[in-house]
Structure formats: structure tokens, C-alpha cells
């Protein structure tokens, strides 16, 4: 097994990897030598663009469609990744959805959808790749949560609850898997320049102590750091420009 800091020829799966933070993470892992599977649900063209960009870097890549809130589709996705690239050694649970709603407008259907896509998906994909990681005695899992898990945020309580659940999931898996060579950590970005931020009226970088929005590359840098470090597990790393100190 290669050293934990060396990602050359390792296989990574990034859910929601076709755009935004997921895209930046997929490209950053490829730049470190990993072969990357890009999970997507609807944006096939974007996922294929990321695949091509990774192949241009001399790494192998595949774009795989799946609704990661559905167990059967997750299982099929992981089988395809294993068949094409090999067992998943690095998992980044990045797939998610945000729908800004006032509390009184949130229905049971809204609640279930947000929890399924943001939280249940992280559980399903983690469960699907764990057998391979445990057999190898090595694995890295990074869950992309949100500062909303820590301060509530403005998207809505359904979103905050789903992202807070990811932190509990992170700590539970980390405590159970640490002696098996598998680390599990989370990142909590805030006000990163993505499509979601651009759709929220009135959002200003003045809210951030450093005076600007974060970039997707800055989040990717932290994800790669967690993947490369075998002594950090069960941690939540804020990428928030000083908005929340923990």
C-alpha cells in the first residue's frame, strides 16, 4: 500500500462531482495522481467535461449517473466504478441540494427530499464503499457539510438539519473505523462562490470577516489535505473566512 500522503493511482469517487465544489475536488485529486469517478444525477454534460479534464491530466476517469438517495442506484454506481477504475479508496460525499424556504413553507415532502439527498446519500454511498476499504485496510472519507450545520444559516432548518446530520455521521464512522486504517472527516464551507450563492438575493461578502467569498479551489485544498493525512479523523474543518470559529 502506498503511503497515506501519496495519491498516485488511487481511486476516488466524488459525488456531485460535475460542478462547483465537487468539480474542484475531483480535479484537485486528479492533480495529486488519483483516478476519479464523477458521480452526477442530472448534469451529464458538466460531468463529462470534468471527466475529459481529468483524462487530459493523464489520469483515468469515469462519469457515473446515480440518484445517490436510492440504494439500488448507489450500488450500481459503485459496481461500475469498481469495474472500470477499481475499488474506491477515497470517497468525497459532496452531492447535495439547497432550497431556500421560510420555516412555515417547508412541507414534509421538502423535508424528506433535503434529508434524503444531503444526508441519506452520504450514508448509502459510505456503506457501499466500506467493504472494499475494510478489506484493503485503508480508506479516506470526506463529507462536505456546511456552516449551516453550526450556525443555522439562511437556507432553512431542513437544510441545516441535513448538514448537521453529516457531522454526526462523520464522528460515528470515524470512531468505529479508526483502527482499520480508515479516516472520516468533514468540511463546513461558508459563502463559497457557487451557483447556490449567486441565487441568494442580498448576500454580500461584507458578512465574511476576511472580506470576500471563498473559492471552490480553497475548499478542494482542505479536502485534499484531509485525504493525504492519516492522523486526522473525526474532525470538522471550517472553510468559512472567519464567519464561525467553532
Protein backbone atom coordinates (compact mmCIF):
# COMPACT_ATOMS: atom_id res chain seq x y z
CA UNK A 1 0.00 0.00 0.00
CA UNK A 2 1.28 3.43 -0.86
CA UNK A 3 1.93 5.96 1.88
CA UNK A 4 -1.12 7.82 3.07
CA UNK A 5 0.14 11.10 1.59
CA UNK A 6 0.68 9.63 -1.88
CA UNK A 7 -2.46 9.52 -4.01
CA UNK A 8 -0.85 8.19 -7.19
CA UNK A 9 -3.09 5.62 -8.88
CA UNK A 10 -5.62 5.63 -6.03
CA UNK A 11 -9.30 5.54 -6.96
CA UNK A 12 -11.55 8.36 -5.79
CA UNK A 13 -15.32 8.79 -6.04
CA UNK A 14 -16.70 12.32 -5.79
CA UNK A 15 -20.48 12.56 -5.69
CA UNK A 16 -21.91 15.72 -7.21
CA UNK A 17 -18.57 15.99 -8.96
CA UNK A 18 -19.69 17.75 -12.12
CA UNK A 19 -19.91 21.28 -10.84
CA UNK A 20 -18.96 23.67 -8.05
CA UNK A 21 -17.05 22.30 -5.09
CA UNK A 22 -17.31 18.73 -6.39
CA UNK A 23 -15.68 19.68 -9.68
CA UNK A 24 -12.81 21.43 -7.91
CA UNK A 25 -12.28 18.45 -5.61
CA UNK A 26 -12.28 15.97 -8.50
CA UNK A 27 -9.69 17.99 -10.41
CA UNK A 28 -7.53 18.52 -7.31
CA UNK A 29 -7.47 14.79 -6.57
CA UNK A 30 -6.51 14.10 -10.18
CA UNK A 31 -3.72 16.65 -9.89
CA UNK A 32 -2.43 14.60 -6.94
CA UNK A 33 -2.36 11.46 -9.09
CA UNK A 34 -5.72 9.84 -8.33
CA UNK A 35 -8.08 8.29 -10.85
CA UNK A 36 -11.52 9.81 -10.32
CA UNK A 37 -15.15 8.75 -10.72
CA UNK A 38 -17.50 11.71 -11.05
CA UNK A 39 -20.95 10.98 -9.69
CA UNK A 40 -23.84 13.03 -11.05
CA UNK A 41 -27.62 12.88 -11.17
CA UNK A 42 -28.75 15.28 -13.90
CA UNK A 43 -25.86 17.39 -15.26
CA UNK A 44 -24.28 14.81 -17.58
CA UNK A 45 -22.61 17.34 -19.87
CA UNK A 46 -20.83 19.00 -16.95
CA UNK A 47 -19.74 15.66 -15.51
CA UNK A 48 -18.35 14.61 -18.88
CA UNK A 49 -16.41 17.87 -19.08
CA UNK A 50 -14.77 17.07 -15.74
CA UNK A 51 -14.02 13.54 -16.93
CA UNK A 52 -12.32 14.91 -20.04
CA UNK A 53 -10.32 17.41 -17.99
CA UNK A 54 -9.07 14.62 -15.73
CA UNK A 55 -8.11 12.45 -18.69
CA UNK A 56 -6.22 15.44 -20.14
CA UNK A 57 -4.17 15.33 -16.93
CA UNK A 58 -3.16 11.77 -17.73
CA UNK A 59 -5.41 10.14 -15.14
CA UNK A 60 -8.29 7.72 -15.72
CA UNK A 61 -11.81 8.95 -15.11
CA UNK A 62 -15.44 7.97 -15.47
CA UNK A 63 -18.71 9.89 -15.14
CA UNK A 64 -21.40 7.77 -13.48
CA UNK A 65 -25.06 8.69 -13.17
CA UNK A 66 -26.93 7.81 -9.98
CA UNK A 67 -29.54 9.19 -7.64
CA UNK A 68 -27.45 8.80 -4.50
CA UNK A 69 -30.56 8.86 -2.32
CA UNK A 70 -31.61 5.49 -3.80
CA UNK A 71 -29.74 2.44 -2.51
CA UNK A 72 -30.05 0.37 -5.69
CA UNK A 73 -28.63 3.20 -7.82
CA UNK A 74 -25.79 3.73 -5.38
CA UNK A 75 -24.92 0.03 -5.50
CA UNK A 76 -24.92 0.10 -9.31
CA UNK A 77 -22.72 3.21 -9.34
CA UNK A 78 -20.13 1.68 -7.03
CA UNK A 79 -20.09 -1.56 -9.04
CA UNK A 80 -19.43 0.44 -12.22
CA UNK A 81 -16.61 2.38 -10.56
CA UNK A 82 -15.04 -0.84 -9.29
CA UNK A 83 -15.36 -2.48 -12.71
CA UNK A 84 -13.86 0.47 -14.57
CA UNK A 85 -11.33 2.01 -12.19
CA UNK A 86 -11.03 -0.38 -9.24
CA UNK A 87 -12.13 -0.39 -5.59
CA UNK A 88 -12.92 3.04 -4.15
CA UNK A 89 -10.18 4.17 -1.78
CA UNK A 90 -11.19 7.82 -1.45
CA UNK A 91 -14.81 8.93 -1.08
CA UNK A 92 -15.96 12.54 -1.07
CA UNK A 93 -19.67 12.81 -0.23
CA UNK A 94 -20.40 16.12 -1.90
CA UNK A 95 -23.83 15.61 -3.52
CA UNK A 96 -26.40 17.94 -2.07
CA UNK A 97 -29.28 20.28 -2.69
CA UNK A 98 -30.29 23.58 -1.12
CA UNK A 99 -33.70 25.19 -1.43
CA UNK A 100 -34.16 28.42 0.49
CA UNK A 101 -37.54 28.38 2.24
CA UNK A 102 -39.05 30.12 5.26
CA UNK A 103 -39.93 27.70 8.05
CA UNK A 104 -43.68 27.99 7.51
CA UNK A 105 -43.33 26.98 3.84
CA UNK A 106 -41.42 23.74 4.42
CA UNK A 107 -43.58 20.70 3.78
CA UNK A 108 -42.97 17.09 4.75
CA UNK A 109 -42.04 16.41 1.13
CA UNK A 110 -39.48 19.23 1.21
CA UNK A 111 -38.02 17.89 4.44
CA UNK A 112 -37.73 14.34 3.15
CA UNK A 113 -36.10 15.40 -0.12
CA UNK A 114 -33.44 17.55 1.55
CA UNK A 115 -32.63 14.90 4.17
CA UNK A 116 -32.52 12.16 1.53
CA UNK A 117 -30.22 13.98 -0.89
CA UNK A 118 -27.92 15.62 1.67
CA UNK A 119 -27.73 13.06 4.49
CA UNK A 120 -29.13 9.69 3.50
CA UNK A 121 -26.96 9.75 0.39
CA UNK A 122 -23.78 10.10 2.46
CA UNK A 123 -24.83 7.06 4.50
CA UNK A 124 -25.71 4.98 1.43
CA UNK A 125 -22.53 5.71 -0.51
CA UNK A 126 -20.33 5.23 2.55
CA UNK A 127 -21.93 1.86 3.26
CA UNK A 128 -21.42 0.82 -0.36
CA UNK A 129 -17.68 1.55 -0.45
CA UNK A 130 -16.81 0.43 3.08
CA UNK A 131 -16.37 -3.29 2.32
CA UNK A 132 -13.59 -2.54 -0.15
CA UNK A 133 -11.88 -0.09 2.20
CA UNK A 134 -12.04 -2.53 5.11
CA UNK A 135 -10.64 -5.32 3.00
CA UNK A 136 -7.74 -3.08 1.96
CA UNK A 137 -7.21 -1.74 5.47
CA UNK A 138 -7.12 1.81 4.11
CA UNK A 139 -9.62 4.47 3.20
CA UNK A 140 -10.38 8.17 3.25
CA UNK A 141 -13.90 9.60 3.54
CA UNK A 142 -14.63 13.32 3.49
CA UNK A 143 -18.16 14.64 3.93
CA UNK A 144 -18.93 18.10 2.54
CA UNK A 145 -21.28 19.67 5.07
CA UNK A 146 -21.92 23.40 5.56
CA UNK A 147 -21.50 26.13 8.12
CA UNK A 148 -25.31 25.96 8.34
CA UNK A 149 -24.76 22.85 10.48
CA UNK A 150 -23.08 25.08 13.06
CA UNK A 151 -24.93 28.40 12.90
CA UNK A 152 -28.26 27.60 11.21
CA UNK A 153 -27.77 29.74 8.15
CA UNK A 154 -30.42 31.25 5.89
CA UNK A 155 -31.43 28.35 3.63
CA UNK A 156 -33.81 26.76 6.12
CA UNK A 157 -33.99 24.38 9.08
CA UNK A 158 -34.33 21.35 6.78
CA UNK A 159 -31.01 22.20 5.15
CA UNK A 160 -29.28 22.97 8.46
CA UNK A 161 -30.53 19.70 9.96
CA UNK A 162 -29.33 17.66 7.00
CA UNK A 163 -25.86 19.22 7.14
CA UNK A 164 -25.67 18.84 10.94
CA UNK A 165 -26.55 15.17 10.50
CA UNK A 166 -23.48 14.79 8.29
CA UNK A 167 -21.29 15.86 11.20
CA UNK A 168 -22.78 13.20 13.46
CA UNK A 169 -22.34 10.64 10.70
CA UNK A 170 -18.71 11.71 10.33
CA UNK A 171 -17.89 11.29 14.03
CA UNK A 172 -19.67 7.96 14.31
CA UNK A 173 -17.88 6.38 11.36
CA UNK A 174 -14.55 7.90 12.44
CA UNK A 175 -14.77 6.35 15.90
CA UNK A 176 -15.76 2.95 14.51
CA UNK A 177 -13.20 2.76 11.70
CA UNK A 178 -10.05 4.47 13.01
CA UNK A 179 -8.28 1.21 13.90
CA UNK A 180 -8.97 -0.15 10.41
CA UNK A 181 -6.91 2.49 8.62
CA UNK A 182 -9.95 4.48 7.50
CA UNK A 183 -10.29 8.15 8.37
CA UNK A 184 -13.54 10.10 8.18
CA UNK A 185 -13.70 13.88 8.32
CA UNK A 186 -15.98 16.75 7.33
CA UNK A 187 -15.57 20.22 5.89
CA UNK A 188 -18.03 23.04 6.51
CA UNK A 189 -17.77 25.69 3.79
CA UNK A 190 -19.46 29.06 4.04
CA UNK A 191 -20.34 31.53 1.30
CA UNK A 192 -18.30 29.90 -1.43
CA UNK A 193 -18.65 31.30 -4.96
CA UNK A 194 -21.02 28.71 -6.42
CA UNK A 195 -24.33 28.73 -8.29
CA UNK A 196 -26.20 28.48 -4.96
CA UNK A 197 -24.67 31.67 -3.59
CA UNK A 198 -25.42 33.56 -6.80
CA UNK A 199 -29.14 32.80 -6.45
CA UNK A 200 -29.49 34.21 -2.91
CA UNK A 201 -30.53 37.87 -3.05
CA UNK A 202 -28.73 40.30 -0.80
CA UNK A 203 -25.77 38.05 0.01
CA UNK A 204 -22.66 40.17 0.38
CA UNK A 205 -19.01 39.35 1.10
CA UNK A 206 -19.22 42.01 3.80
CA UNK A 207 -20.64 39.28 6.05
CA UNK A 208 -17.31 37.46 5.93
CA UNK A 209 -14.52 38.70 8.22
CA UNK A 210 -11.87 38.24 5.52
CA UNK A 211 -13.97 40.46 3.25
CA UNK A 212 -14.64 38.15 0.32
CA UNK A 213 -16.39 34.96 -0.74
CA UNK A 214 -14.38 31.75 -0.70
CA UNK A 215 -13.41 29.85 -3.82
CA UNK A 216 -14.16 26.26 -4.71
CA UNK A 217 -10.42 25.66 -5.02
CA UNK A 218 -9.91 26.69 -1.40
CA UNK A 219 -12.42 24.07 -0.29
CA UNK A 220 -10.75 21.49 -2.51
CA UNK A 221 -7.38 22.28 -0.91
CA UNK A 222 -8.77 21.34 2.50
CA UNK A 223 -10.40 18.16 1.21
CA UNK A 224 -7.09 17.04 -0.31
CA UNK A 225 -5.28 17.83 2.95
CA UNK A 226 -7.69 15.56 4.83
CA UNK A 227 -7.28 12.80 2.26
CA UNK A 228 -3.49 12.97 2.48
CA UNK A 229 -3.30 13.00 6.29
CA UNK A 230 -3.74 9.67 8.07
CA UNK A 231 -3.67 11.11 11.61
CA UNK A 232 -6.67 13.43 11.30
CA UNK A 233 -10.05 11.74 11.77
CA UNK A 234 -13.43 12.64 13.22
CA UNK A 235 -12.76 16.33 12.65
CA UNK A 236 -14.82 19.16 11.20
CA UNK A 237 -12.74 21.73 9.33
CA UNK A 238 -14.34 25.09 8.67
CA UNK A 239 -13.66 26.83 5.37
CA UNK A 240 -15.56 29.98 6.15
CA UNK A 241 -13.35 33.08 6.07
CA UNK A 242 -13.72 33.54 9.82
CA UNK A 243 -17.52 33.52 9.86
CA UNK A 244 -17.58 30.81 12.54
CA UNK A 245 -14.74 29.85 14.86
CA UNK A 246 -16.22 26.70 16.41
